[in-house]
């Protein structure tokens, strides 16, 4: 299945539960917010967006950084 690299920016900083929910992602400060970077197919992207809603985190931004056929998928 086709995957792309995404950067998802959520408001504030992630605590232990938030970091645990996004294992497999690169988690970095992004100004006052947190950037999650990972490789996802369409289904994986929808799953991550559902997790941000369920935690609840405010979605600040979503950017597709690079498509690629040989990208390892984040879970």
Protein backbone atom coordinates (compact mmCIF):
# COMPACT_ATOMS: atom_id res chain seq x y z
CA UNK A 1 0.00 0.00 0.00
CA UNK A 2 1.29 3.49 -0.85
CA UNK A 3 2.72 5.46 2.07
CA UNK A 4 3.79 9.05 2.52
CA UNK A 5 5.75 10.87 5.20
CA UNK A 6 3.57 13.21 7.25
CA UNK A 7 4.21 15.86 9.86
CA UNK A 8 1.30 16.32 12.24
CA UNK A 9 1.49 19.28 14.62
CA UNK A 10 -0.61 19.22 17.79
CA UNK A 11 -1.04 21.91 20.43
CA UNK A 12 1.13 21.92 23.51
CA UNK A 13 3.56 19.26 24.69
CA UNK A 14 2.87 15.54 24.90
CA UNK A 15 3.00 13.80 28.26
CA UNK A 16 3.78 10.14 28.86
CA UNK A 17 0.37 8.94 27.58
CA UNK A 18 0.64 11.07 24.45
CA UNK A 19 4.14 9.85 23.68
CA UNK A 20 3.00 6.27 24.21
CA UNK A 21 0.10 6.74 21.81
CA UNK A 22 2.48 7.84 19.05
CA UNK A 23 5.30 5.29 19.39
CA UNK A 24 7.01 4.85 16.06
CA UNK A 25 6.84 8.57 15.30
CA UNK A 26 9.61 11.12 15.61
CA UNK A 27 8.30 13.46 18.34
CA UNK A 28 9.86 16.92 18.49
CA UNK A 29 9.08 20.37 19.88
CA UNK A 30 7.62 22.69 17.26
CA UNK A 31 7.56 26.14 18.84
CA UNK A 32 4.92 25.94 21.59
CA UNK A 33 3.53 22.76 20.02
CA UNK A 34 4.63 19.19 19.22
CA UNK A 35 5.43 17.76 15.79
CA UNK A 36 4.84 14.08 15.08
CA UNK A 37 6.61 12.82 11.96
CA UNK A 38 5.96 9.38 10.53
CA UNK A 39 5.30 7.33 7.45
CA UNK A 40 1.67 6.41 6.93
CA UNK A 41 -0.71 5.00 4.38
CA UNK A 42 -4.26 6.41 4.17
CA UNK A 43 -5.61 4.04 6.83
CA UNK A 44 -2.73 4.84 9.18
CA UNK A 45 -3.27 8.56 8.72
CA UNK A 46 -6.93 8.24 9.66
CA UNK A 47 -5.94 6.19 12.73
CA UNK A 48 -3.50 8.87 13.89
CA UNK A 49 -6.09 11.61 13.43
CA UNK A 50 -8.52 9.55 15.50
CA UNK A 51 -5.90 9.20 18.26
CA UNK A 52 -5.36 12.98 18.32
CA UNK A 53 -9.11 13.45 18.73
CA UNK A 54 -9.43 10.78 21.42
CA UNK A 55 -6.57 12.05 23.62
CA UNK A 56 -7.89 14.98 23.08
CA UNK A 57 -5.27 17.06 21.26
CA UNK A 58 -5.88 20.11 19.10
CA UNK A 59 -4.65 19.59 15.55
CA UNK A 60 -2.58 22.59 14.47
CA UNK A 61 -1.30 21.32 11.13
CA UNK A 62 -0.95 18.36 8.80
CA UNK A 63 1.66 18.33 6.04
CA UNK A 64 2.57 15.63 3.55
CA UNK A 65 6.37 15.85 3.41
CA UNK A 66 7.30 13.15 0.90
CA UNK A 67 5.67 10.23 -0.87
CA UNK A 68 7.67 7.08 -1.35
CA UNK A 69 7.18 3.41 -2.17
CA UNK A 70 9.93 2.15 0.17
CA UNK A 71 8.87 3.98 3.35
CA UNK A 72 8.46 1.91 6.55
CA UNK A 73 4.99 2.43 8.04
CA UNK A 74 4.50 3.80 11.57
CA UNK A 75 1.93 1.89 13.61
